Each structure stands twice: as structure tokens, then as C-alpha cells.
Protein backbone atom coordinates (compact mmCIF):
# COMPACT_ATOMS: atom_id res chain seq x y z
CA MET A 1 106.95 91.04 99.16
CA SER A 2 107.85 94.68 99.83
CA ARG A 3 111.09 96.56 100.24
CA PRO A 4 111.33 99.40 102.81
CA SER A 5 112.85 102.84 102.45
CA ALA A 6 113.09 102.53 98.69
CA PRO A 7 114.82 105.07 96.43
CA ASP A 8 113.23 106.33 93.21
CA SER A 9 115.19 103.73 91.22
CA LEU A 10 112.66 101.12 92.41
CA LEU A 11 109.79 103.03 90.77
CA ARG A 12 108.89 102.37 87.15
CA ARG A 13 108.95 105.32 84.74
CA GLU A 14 105.73 104.44 82.93
CA ILE A 15 104.16 107.92 82.57
CA GLY A 16 104.69 109.81 79.29
CA ARG A 17 103.52 113.22 78.03
CA VAL A 18 99.94 112.05 77.55
CA GLY A 19 100.04 110.65 81.06
CA VAL A 20 101.33 113.96 82.45
CA ALA A 21 98.47 115.83 80.75
CA THR A 22 95.96 113.24 81.96
CA ILE A 23 97.14 113.50 85.58
CA ALA A 24 97.08 117.32 85.48
CA MET A 25 93.67 117.42 83.80
CA ASN A 26 92.11 114.92 86.19
CA GLY A 27 93.69 116.71 89.12
CA VAL A 28 91.97 119.94 88.09
CA ILE A 29 88.67 118.81 86.55
CA GLY A 30 87.07 117.06 89.48
CA SER A 31 84.16 117.92 91.70
CA GLY A 32 84.68 121.70 91.65
CA ILE A 33 83.44 122.62 88.19
CA PHE A 34 80.19 120.69 88.74
CA ALA A 35 79.31 122.49 91.98
CA LEU A 36 80.95 125.94 91.91
CA PRO A 37 79.16 127.56 88.93
CA ALA A 38 76.15 127.92 91.24
CA VAL A 39 78.30 129.58 93.90
CA ALA A 40 79.71 131.97 91.28
CA ILE A 41 76.25 132.87 89.98
CA ALA A 42 74.92 133.44 93.51
CA GLN A 43 77.80 135.73 94.48
CA ALA A 44 78.67 137.45 91.20
CA GLY A 45 75.82 136.98 88.72
CA TYR A 46 76.74 137.95 85.16
CA PHE A 47 80.19 139.02 86.35
CA SER A 48 81.01 135.40 87.26
CA PRO A 49 82.63 134.42 83.91
CA TRP A 50 85.18 137.19 84.45
CA LEU A 51 86.03 135.72 87.87
CA PHE A 52 86.74 132.37 86.23
CA LEU A 53 89.07 134.15 83.80
CA LEU A 54 90.83 135.90 86.70
CA CYS A 55 91.27 132.55 88.41
CA GLY A 56 92.68 131.20 85.15
CA VAL A 57 95.23 134.05 84.94
CA LEU A 58 96.34 133.41 88.53
CA ILE A 59 96.65 129.66 88.07
CA LEU A 60 98.46 130.06 84.74
CA SER A 61 101.04 132.34 86.36
CA VAL A 62 101.57 129.76 89.11
CA ALA A 63 101.72 126.91 86.57
CA LEU A 64 104.35 128.75 84.51
CA THR A 65 106.44 129.28 87.63
CA LEU A 66 106.18 125.66 88.74
CA ALA A 67 106.90 124.48 85.20
CA ARG A 68 110.16 126.41 85.25
CA THR A 69 111.00 124.97 88.67
CA ALA A 70 110.14 121.43 87.56
CA SER A 71 112.56 121.68 84.63
CA PHE A 72 115.47 121.37 87.10
CA PHE A 73 114.36 118.05 88.63
CA GLU A 74 113.14 114.56 87.81
CA THR A 75 112.68 113.18 91.32
CA THR A 76 109.43 112.04 92.97
CA GLY A 77 107.97 114.62 95.35
CA GLY A 78 107.53 117.78 93.26
CA PRO A 79 107.13 120.73 95.66
CA ILE A 80 108.84 118.77 98.45
CA VAL A 81 111.96 118.50 96.31
CA TYR A 82 111.88 122.17 95.27
CA THR A 83 111.48 123.64 98.75
CA SER A 84 113.92 121.14 100.29
CA HIS A 85 116.60 122.20 97.85
CA ALA A 86 115.95 125.89 98.45
CA PHE A 87 115.34 125.99 102.20
CA GLY A 88 116.30 122.62 103.67
CA ARG A 89 114.58 119.45 104.81
CA PHE A 90 112.38 121.07 107.44
CA ILE A 91 110.64 123.46 105.02
CA GLY A 92 110.41 120.69 102.44
CA PHE A 93 108.76 118.46 105.01
CA GLN A 94 106.22 121.14 105.98
CA THR A 95 105.46 121.79 102.31
CA GLY A 96 104.82 118.11 101.70
CA LEU A 97 102.67 117.81 104.80
CA LEU A 98 100.50 120.79 103.82
CA ILE A 99 100.04 119.48 100.27
CA TYR A 100 99.19 116.08 101.65
CA ILE A 101 96.50 117.50 103.95
CA SER A 102 95.03 119.48 101.06
CA ARG A 103 94.94 116.34 98.91
CA VAL A 104 93.25 114.25 101.58
CA ALA A 105 90.70 117.04 102.07
CA ALA A 106 90.07 117.07 98.30
CA ILE A 107 89.56 113.29 98.22
CA ALA A 108 87.12 113.59 101.11
CA ALA A 109 85.29 116.48 99.41
CA SER A 110 84.95 114.48 96.18
CA ALA A 111 83.60 111.45 98.02
CA ASN A 112 81.01 113.62 99.77
CA LEU A 113 79.89 115.20 96.52
CA ILE A 114 79.59 111.99 94.51
CA VAL A 115 77.44 110.40 97.21
CA SER A 116 75.32 113.57 97.35
CA TYR A 117 74.70 113.28 93.60
CA ALA A 118 73.64 109.66 94.11
CA ALA A 119 71.28 110.49 97.01
CA PRO A 120 68.31 111.52 94.79
CA ILE A 121 68.47 108.07 93.21
CA TRP A 122 68.49 106.29 96.59
CA SER A 123 67.37 108.56 99.44
CA PRO A 124 69.13 106.71 102.33
CA LEU A 125 72.44 108.00 100.93
CA SER A 126 71.53 111.52 102.05
CA SER A 127 72.51 110.90 105.68
CA GLY A 128 73.37 108.40 108.37
CA LEU A 129 75.12 105.05 108.17
CA PRO A 130 74.29 104.28 104.50
CA ARG A 131 75.98 107.55 103.47
CA MET A 132 79.08 106.74 105.53
CA ILE A 133 79.27 103.24 104.05
CA ALA A 134 78.94 104.60 100.51
CA ILE A 135 81.70 107.18 101.09
CA ALA A 136 84.00 104.57 102.61
CA GLY A 137 83.28 102.09 99.81
CA TYR A 138 83.98 104.64 97.10
CA ILE A 139 87.35 105.67 98.58
CA THR A 140 88.27 102.03 99.22
CA LEU A 141 87.70 101.13 95.56
CA ALA A 142 89.87 104.02 94.36
CA THR A 143 92.57 103.01 96.85
CA ILE A 144 92.60 99.41 95.61
CA LEU A 145 92.92 100.51 91.96
CA ASN A 146 96.03 102.54 92.78
CA ALA A 147 97.52 99.84 95.01
CA ILE A 148 97.42 97.39 92.08
CA GLY A 149 100.04 99.46 90.26
CA VAL A 150 100.68 102.76 88.47
CA ARG A 151 99.81 101.21 85.07
CA ALA A 152 96.38 100.12 86.33
CA GLY A 153 95.79 103.55 87.86
CA MET A 154 96.77 105.33 84.64
CA ALA A 155 94.63 103.02 82.47
CA ALA A 156 91.60 103.87 84.59
CA LEU A 157 92.44 107.59 84.31
CA TYR A 158 92.67 107.49 80.50
CA LEU A 159 89.21 105.94 80.23
CA ILE A 160 87.68 108.28 82.81
CA SER A 161 89.21 111.32 81.07
CA ILE A 162 87.29 110.59 77.88
CA LEU A 163 84.04 109.90 79.71
CA LYS A 164 84.25 113.08 81.81
CA LEU A 165 85.29 115.52 79.07
CA ALA A 166 82.72 114.51 76.45
CA PRO A 167 79.59 115.83 78.26
CA LEU A 168 81.36 119.06 79.29
CA LEU A 169 82.44 119.81 75.73
CA LEU A 170 78.94 118.95 74.48
CA LEU A 171 77.46 121.37 77.03
CA ILE A 172 79.67 124.18 75.70
CA LEU A 173 78.88 123.35 72.08
CA VAL A 174 75.10 123.23 72.55
CA GLY A 175 74.88 126.20 74.91
CA PHE A 176 77.29 128.60 73.22
CA PRO A 177 74.68 130.06 70.81
CA ALA A 178 72.58 131.07 73.84
CA VAL A 179 75.32 133.18 75.47
CA GLU A 180 74.06 136.63 76.58
CA TRP A 181 77.10 138.65 75.53
CA GLY A 182 75.52 142.01 76.31
CA LEU A 183 74.65 141.10 79.90
CA VAL A 184 78.08 139.59 80.55
CA THR A 185 80.09 142.48 79.09
CA SER A 186 78.01 145.11 80.91
CA ALA A 187 77.92 143.33 84.29
CA ASN A 188 78.71 145.39 87.38
CA VAL A 189 82.19 144.84 88.78
CA LEU A 190 82.24 143.46 92.33
CA PRO A 191 84.12 145.22 95.16
CA PRO A 192 87.69 143.92 95.64
CA GLU A 193 86.76 142.20 98.91
CA ALA A 194 83.92 140.29 97.27
CA ILE A 195 86.14 139.34 94.33
CA GLY A 196 88.77 137.96 96.69
CA ARG A 197 86.31 135.92 98.77
CA THR A 198 84.61 134.48 95.71
CA MET A 199 87.86 133.65 93.92
CA LEU A 200 89.13 131.83 97.01
CA VAL A 201 86.20 129.42 96.66
CA LEU A 202 86.29 129.20 92.85
CA LEU A 203 89.99 128.36 92.83
CA TYR A 204 89.07 124.92 94.16
CA ALA A 205 87.97 124.13 90.60
CA PHE A 206 91.43 125.07 89.28
CA ILE A 207 93.87 123.56 91.76
CA GLY A 208 95.38 120.13 91.29
CA PHE A 209 97.54 120.71 88.19
CA GLU A 210 100.65 120.22 90.34
CA PHE A 211 99.76 116.52 90.64
CA SER A 212 101.85 115.85 87.55
CA LEU A 213 104.92 117.26 89.32
CA ILE A 214 104.73 114.82 92.20
CA ASN A 215 105.09 111.70 90.04
CA ALA A 216 108.29 112.89 88.35
CA GLY A 217 110.10 109.77 89.58
CA GLU A 218 107.66 107.67 87.51
CA THR A 219 107.68 109.96 84.42
CA ARG A 220 109.81 109.39 81.33
CA ASP A 221 112.10 112.36 80.57
CA ALA A 222 110.39 114.24 83.41
CA ARG A 223 112.33 117.51 83.14
CA SER A 224 111.25 117.95 79.53
CA ALA A 225 107.82 116.29 79.50
CA ILE A 226 106.30 117.87 82.60
CA PRO A 227 106.81 121.66 82.16
CA ARG A 228 105.46 122.17 78.63
CA THR A 229 102.63 119.67 78.98
CA LEU A 230 101.61 121.23 82.29
CA VAL A 231 101.30 124.77 80.92
CA THR A 232 99.36 123.67 77.83
CA THR A 233 96.92 121.63 79.92
CA VAL A 234 96.28 124.43 82.44
CA LEU A 235 95.64 126.96 79.67
CA ALA A 236 93.13 124.66 77.95
CA ILE A 237 91.29 123.99 81.23
CA ALA A 238 91.04 127.71 82.07
CA VAL A 239 89.44 128.47 78.70
CA CYS A 240 87.05 125.52 79.09
CA TYR A 241 85.94 126.68 82.54
CA ALA A 242 85.30 130.24 81.41
CA LEU A 243 83.15 128.96 78.53
CA ILE A 244 81.16 126.68 80.84
CA GLN A 245 80.42 129.56 83.22
CA LEU A 246 79.51 131.80 80.29
CA VAL A 247 76.89 129.27 79.17
CA ALA A 248 75.71 128.60 82.73
CA VAL A 249 75.00 132.22 83.68
CA SER A 250 73.39 132.95 80.29
CA VAL A 251 71.02 129.97 80.24
CA GLY A 252 70.52 129.66 84.00
CA PRO A 253 70.93 132.99 85.83
CA ASP A 254 68.66 131.52 88.53
CA LEU A 255 70.91 128.52 89.24
CA GLY A 256 72.59 130.19 92.22
CA GLY A 257 70.74 127.96 94.69
CA SER A 258 71.14 124.68 92.80
CA ASN A 259 73.08 121.76 94.28
CA ALA A 260 73.71 120.35 90.79
CA PRO A 261 73.86 123.40 88.50
CA LEU A 262 75.38 121.78 85.42
CA ILE A 263 72.92 118.90 85.45
CA GLU A 264 70.05 121.39 85.57
CA LEU A 265 71.76 123.38 82.81
CA ALA A 266 72.03 120.25 80.66
CA ARG A 267 68.35 119.49 81.29
CA ARG A 268 67.36 122.95 80.01
CA LEU A 269 69.58 122.68 76.95
CA MET A 270 69.20 119.01 76.00
CA GLY A 271 66.33 117.59 78.04
CA PRO A 272 66.42 114.48 80.27
CA THR A 273 68.98 112.75 78.05
CA GLY A 274 71.40 115.63 78.43
CA ALA A 275 70.87 115.67 82.20
CA LEU A 276 71.63 111.94 82.35
CA ALA A 277 74.80 112.39 80.27
CA LEU A 278 75.97 115.22 82.52
CA GLY A 279 75.15 113.14 85.59
CA LEU A 280 77.40 110.36 84.31
CA GLY A 281 80.03 112.99 83.55
CA VAL A 282 79.88 114.09 87.19
CA VAL A 283 80.48 110.54 88.37
CA PHE A 284 83.44 110.02 86.04
CA SER A 285 84.85 113.48 86.74
CA ILE A 286 84.81 113.10 90.49
CA GLY A 287 86.07 109.55 90.12
CA GLY A 288 88.97 110.76 88.01
CA GLY A 289 89.85 113.44 90.54
CA SER A 290 89.84 110.95 93.38
CA LEU A 291 91.93 108.44 91.44
CA THR A 292 94.44 111.17 90.63
CA SER A 293 94.62 112.28 94.25
CA LEU A 294 95.15 108.71 95.40
CA LEU A 295 97.78 108.25 92.68
CA THR A 296 99.78 111.31 93.71
CA ALA A 297 99.18 112.01 97.42
CA PRO A 298 100.82 108.75 98.61
CA ARG A 299 103.95 109.74 96.67
CA LEU A 300 104.27 112.69 99.04
CA THR A 301 104.55 110.52 102.14
CA TYR A 302 106.79 108.17 100.15
CA ALA A 303 109.09 111.09 99.26
CA LEU A 304 109.18 112.32 102.86
CA SER A 305 110.06 108.82 104.03
CA ARG A 306 112.75 108.55 101.35
CA ASP A 307 114.27 111.79 102.67
CA GLY A 308 114.23 110.51 106.25
CA THR A 309 111.56 112.86 107.60
CA LEU A 310 108.80 110.24 107.96
CA PRO A 311 109.07 106.67 109.26
CA GLY A 312 110.48 104.13 106.81
CA TRP A 313 107.11 102.34 106.80
CA PHE A 314 105.76 105.01 104.41
CA GLY A 315 108.61 104.34 101.98
CA THR A 316 107.80 100.66 101.51
CA VAL A 317 107.58 99.81 97.79
CA ASN A 318 105.92 96.59 96.67
CA VAL A 319 108.48 94.68 94.60
CA ARG A 320 105.88 93.27 92.20
CA THR A 321 103.72 96.35 91.53
CA ARG A 322 106.47 98.94 92.23
CA VAL A 323 104.12 101.28 94.10
CA PRO A 324 104.43 102.73 97.65
CA VAL A 325 101.71 100.43 98.95
CA ASN A 326 101.76 101.47 102.62
CA SER A 327 101.48 105.15 101.73
CA ILE A 328 98.54 104.39 99.43
CA LEU A 329 96.66 102.43 102.09
CA PHE A 330 97.31 105.08 104.75
CA CYS A 331 96.01 107.82 102.44
CA GLY A 332 92.83 105.86 101.77
CA VAL A 333 92.11 105.31 105.47
CA LEU A 334 92.79 108.96 106.38
CA SER A 335 90.56 110.15 103.51
CA ILE A 336 87.69 108.01 104.76
CA ALA A 337 88.07 109.40 108.29
CA MET A 338 87.96 112.99 107.04
CA ALA A 339 85.15 112.39 104.52
CA VAL A 340 82.64 111.01 107.01
CA GLY A 341 83.21 113.91 109.41
CA GLN A 342 82.96 117.02 107.21
CA GLN A 343 80.96 118.55 104.33
CA PHE A 344 81.95 119.54 100.80
CA VAL A 345 82.25 123.35 101.07
CA TRP A 346 84.36 123.22 104.26
CA LEU A 347 86.68 120.60 102.76
CA ALA A 348 86.97 122.47 99.44
CA THR A 349 87.84 125.78 101.12
CA LEU A 350 90.45 124.15 103.36
CA SER A 351 92.02 122.35 100.40
CA THR A 352 92.27 125.59 98.39
CA PHE A 353 93.72 127.63 101.26
CA VAL A 354 96.42 125.09 102.09
CA ARG A 355 97.31 124.67 98.42
CA LEU A 356 97.83 128.41 98.03
CA LEU A 357 100.29 128.33 100.93
CA THR A 358 102.32 125.63 99.21
CA TYR A 359 102.20 127.44 95.86
CA ALA A 360 103.72 130.49 97.57
CA LEU A 361 106.53 128.39 99.06
CA CYS A 362 107.33 126.89 95.65
CA ILE A 363 107.37 130.31 93.99
CA VAL A 364 109.86 131.79 96.46
CA SER A 365 112.04 128.69 95.94
CA LEU A 366 112.59 129.40 92.24
CA PRO A 367 115.19 132.23 92.52
CA ILE A 368 117.34 130.08 94.81
CA ILE A 369 117.04 127.04 92.55
CA GLN A 370 117.98 129.08 89.48
CA ARG A 371 121.00 130.47 91.29
CA THR A 372 122.28 127.16 92.64
CA LEU A 373 121.56 124.71 89.81
CA PRO A 374 123.00 124.98 86.28
CA ALA A 375 120.72 125.51 83.29
CA GLU A 376 120.75 122.98 80.46
CA PRO A 377 119.98 123.22 76.72
CA GLY A 378 116.27 123.05 75.90
CA GLN A 379 115.19 123.77 79.47
CA PHE A 380 111.81 125.47 79.94
CA LYS A 381 112.29 129.22 80.42
CA LEU A 382 110.01 132.02 81.59
CA PRO A 383 109.59 135.24 79.61
CA GLY A 384 110.38 138.30 81.70
CA ARG A 385 112.64 136.36 84.07
CA LEU A 386 111.01 136.64 87.53
CA ALA A 387 108.13 138.97 86.57
CA ILE A 388 105.57 136.15 86.26
CA PRO A 389 106.52 134.54 89.61
CA ALA A 390 106.29 137.96 91.28
CA VAL A 391 102.76 138.52 89.92
CA ALA A 392 101.72 135.01 90.97
CA LEU A 393 103.06 135.53 94.49
CA LEU A 394 101.31 138.89 94.92
CA LEU A 395 97.98 137.45 93.76
CA ILE A 396 98.32 134.49 96.13
CA LEU A 397 99.15 136.72 99.10
CA TRP A 398 96.13 138.89 98.30
CA LEU A 399 93.83 135.85 98.19
CA LEU A 400 95.26 134.47 101.43
CA SER A 401 94.48 137.80 103.10
CA GLN A 402 90.80 137.17 102.31
CA SER A 403 90.78 133.86 104.23
CA THR A 404 89.17 133.24 107.59
CA MET A 405 91.10 132.84 110.83
CA GLU A 406 89.82 129.26 111.00
CA ASN A 407 91.86 128.35 107.94
CA PHE A 408 94.99 129.95 109.38
CA ALA A 409 94.40 128.16 112.70
CA ILE A 410 94.06 124.76 111.02
CA ALA A 411 97.21 125.32 108.95
CA GLY A 412 99.06 126.44 112.09
CA CYS A 413 98.02 123.30 113.97
CA VAL A 414 99.24 121.15 111.06
CA VAL A 415 102.61 122.93 111.06
CA VAL A 416 103.05 122.60 114.84
CA ALA A 417 102.07 118.92 114.86
CA GLY A 418 104.29 118.31 111.86
CA SER A 419 107.23 120.01 113.55
CA VAL A 420 106.96 117.70 116.55
CA GLY A 421 106.68 114.65 114.32
CA TYR A 422 109.60 115.84 112.19
CA TRP A 423 111.84 116.28 115.22
CA LEU A 424 110.96 112.85 116.61
CA CYS A 425 111.41 111.08 113.28
CA THR A 426 114.68 112.73 112.26
CA ARG A 427 116.10 112.12 115.72
CA LYS A 428 115.17 108.43 115.58
CA ARG A 429 116.37 107.88 111.99
CA GLY A 430 119.59 109.84 112.40
CA VAL A 431 118.76 112.64 109.94
CA ALA A 432 119.98 116.12 110.85
CA ALA A 433 116.95 118.12 111.95
CA THR A 434 118.27 121.61 111.32
CA SER A 435 115.68 123.84 109.73
CA PHE A 436 117.83 124.82 106.78
CA GLU A 437 119.90 121.72 106.11
CA SER A 438 120.80 121.40 102.45
CA THR A 439 119.33 118.45 100.63
CA GLU A 440 121.04 116.53 97.86
CA ILE A 441 118.69 116.27 94.92
CA PRO A 442 119.54 113.73 92.23
CA ARG A 443 119.74 115.16 88.73
CA ARG A 444 119.60 113.50 85.34
CA GLY A 445 122.23 110.80 84.99
CA GLU A 446 122.96 110.55 88.72
CA ARG A 447 122.23 107.41 90.69
CA THR A 448 119.89 107.59 93.66
CA ILE A 449 121.61 105.68 96.45
CA ASP A 450 119.68 104.14 99.32
CA LYS A 451 121.67 105.15 102.38
CA GLY A 452 119.79 102.72 104.56
CA ARG A 453 117.66 105.31 106.29
């Protein structure tokens, strides 16, 4: 039995600090790091490790900003909640819609990549109906795991996290003595335009840390647990990525054309056994990323339904499992539709571009949130006040300026379609549709009341 239009009080707070770190880590370490080292080598050569560090600096500045913003809230929705409070329901709705599209694109990209890795084992998976069936089956399995309940989804993530990290750390450990420090430190710097274009692609390997913000309504002591755990996790991942690229370009400077660069790297360092271990790591890594996406993305449509900007059907919470079951099933079906129609690079670029737009919206929300909500003892604070958010925003705007018109056109179509849907839904459900309507955000100790929307 399910209950429609449910408030956050119906969700179970079963995610702790380890869970927050696990969600953030699995959101980031997915398909990207196993495919993009080859892209970085092809476009930047020995300068590529520095690009990974630059991406890490950008993402850390964004993570610090979002960590500060998250310390004011403990409600499901993350960026939706932040932008709704700062700019009203309409902007919050558009933020949630953009994040949702980027998440579905990421799920589809992961499904494409994992089937591509399996194709050499069974050639029919390379194209046609068998490939489509494999993609659909993979996404369906991940959807079912999350529909069972948040505890089942988290248990699977904990196991996958161990299985995906072990081969990556082993690769760094074995390959580190072979690093060509002289070639890396003396590498020619790329022109700014080339740096921007390459970073826009590489950032796909870094995005996803904000997943842990979305599940705040299911996190214990969310305002304290999420910010500090988020920053620590992002910093550790950035260092890990830079080390992986350092080893990759040193041992395999010719890997620029490889479809599976880290597997080939493992084969050179550790032989067939190492390649097999890395191959399994790819499967678990992509699986973890997809599970995380399907754990968090449905909470976006749930949050939008809770706020009255999507039909109440999306807000249905299963009384037994306490998960937004309709939102989970819808996300799975939409991911399958997108996955069978597009390829990895296109999906990855779209996901990154849209995510950068939403990061920018969250960053400009922070000054308003700080001005309108009271600070509390022990709250996460940023050094330099708004200096870090300003740097993050400038870097994001610069990267967006390197994007293609196709990306802007797709985002524009999503916004226009979303605006029409928003107007129809708010009109039908009796929610004021003004663009800058204030939104009441429940804070610690306040009850979330279902107003029957």
C-alpha cells in the first residue's frame, strides 16, 4: 500500500556519516574515471595530470560552497530546497528538473559504458537488439534494488564501494614508482581554450558529489553530517584521480586512443590478472554510480511533488519500504529510453554541462540564504566569507562559455518544457505559480505538515 503526496516525515532517516560519504563517493567515482584518462592523454598528453588537479580545485570550491549551504537545511531535495528558498518555487523547480535530466543522462551513460566493456566478452552486445536488452536489463536491476528500500540500496552501495576502490588503489600503489616526474613537470601548458574544452569533458569524472545533499530527509543529523563529510570525500577523490592520471600518462602515454585505458594500464603493470581485477572494478564502479543515481534522482521528483510543482503521483511513498516508489520506477524507465538512443560521450557531456548550470544556481543562492536564515552553533563555515563561492562561480561561468550551442539549446528546451509543465501543475494543484514565491523550508525541530497538495 502507498500513500500519496507524502511529507519527509514518512521517510526513514537511515543514512549516517559513512552513508553520506558512500553516496558522495559512488556518485563521483563511476564510469568517468575509467574512460576519461584516455581523453585527457589524447588532448593534453603529459599536461593531463595538471588538468585533473584543476578540476579538483574547481569541484572542491563548489563542494565547500554547497557544504555551507547544506548546513542550513535537513530536508530532502538538496539544490531544489536551496534555490527555492532563495528565489522561489519556480527557480527551485527548474533547478530540480535540470539536475534530474543530468542524472538520467548519467545513468544512461553508465549503462552504455558497462555494456561496451562486456561486448568483447560476448560480441552481440556491441550493437543491435542484444545491446538494447542488456542496457534495459542492467537499469531494471538497479531500479528494483532501490525500490526495495533505502536500506537495501545502501547495503549494496557499501559492498560495491569496497569492490570498486580496491583495484584503483592497487593501480596507484603498483604504478607510482613508474611515474615520469620530469616529463610531467616540464609539460607544455595548453592554450586557455583547449584547457576549458578538455576540463568540460573531464569534469564528468568529478560531478555527482551533490548526491549526498539530495537525501537529507533520510540522513541522521543531516545539517551536521553532510557538510563536513562531503568536503572530506571530495578532497580525497580529487587526490586519487590526479594520482591515477599521473600513473596512466607515465606508463601509457600512447593510451589516448584506448576505449578501456585503465584496463590496458593494469595489464601493463600487473599482467592479465591485473587487467581482470580492473575489469571487475569497472563493473562495480559503474554499478555503484548507477545505484547512487537511482537512489538520489527519484528524490528530486519526490521533492518537487512534495512542493506542489509536479503531480502528486511522483510523491507516492510506499508505506512498507518508505521509498518514493513511483518516482523510482519513472526514473528507471526514462533512463532506459535515453540509454538506448544515445552514446557515452554525448550523454557525459550533456550531464556535465547541465550540472554546472545547477551548481551556479546553488552558489548564487548562498548569500540570500545566509542573510535570511539564522546561524547556529557548530554550523559549517567558509573561510574568507564569500571568496570561495565567488571563485567557484567564475570558474563555472568560464567553463560554460566553452560549451557548444547544442548544449545550450538542449538546456533551453528543458527549461521551456518545464515552465509549461510547472504552470499546468501548479494551476491544477492550487499552488501559486509566481516566479519568486517564497517557500517555507522546515528547519530542525519543526514538523513537516502535509497540506493535502
